[in-house]
Amino acid sequence: MKPLWRTLIILTAIAGAIITAILIFQRTNQPSIALTEEWTATQVVDGDSITVGQTDGSQMSVELCGIDAPEVKQGEVLPAMTW
């Protein structure tokens, strides 16, 4: 039979892991920024990056997911064409 102190250490570690998991879940389970705040596009940086801002003057750079567009820093960028 294992000593009592070993069992207490194991139970304390398990309880600590459970409490940590609960605290992490509560912090990451916040509503999306898109649902709580209104942002306006203030600048188009390139084909997949924009700068957005709020009325209080705060700004954030956003890179769109799933858009394959050349970056400005890649060199030659062809002019836009009408399709």
Foldseek 3Di string as FASTA:
>chain_A
DDDPVVVVVVVVVVVVVVVVVVVVCVVVPDDDPVVPFDWDFDADQFDFKTKIDDPVGDIDIDGHPPDDGDHPVVDDDDDDDDD
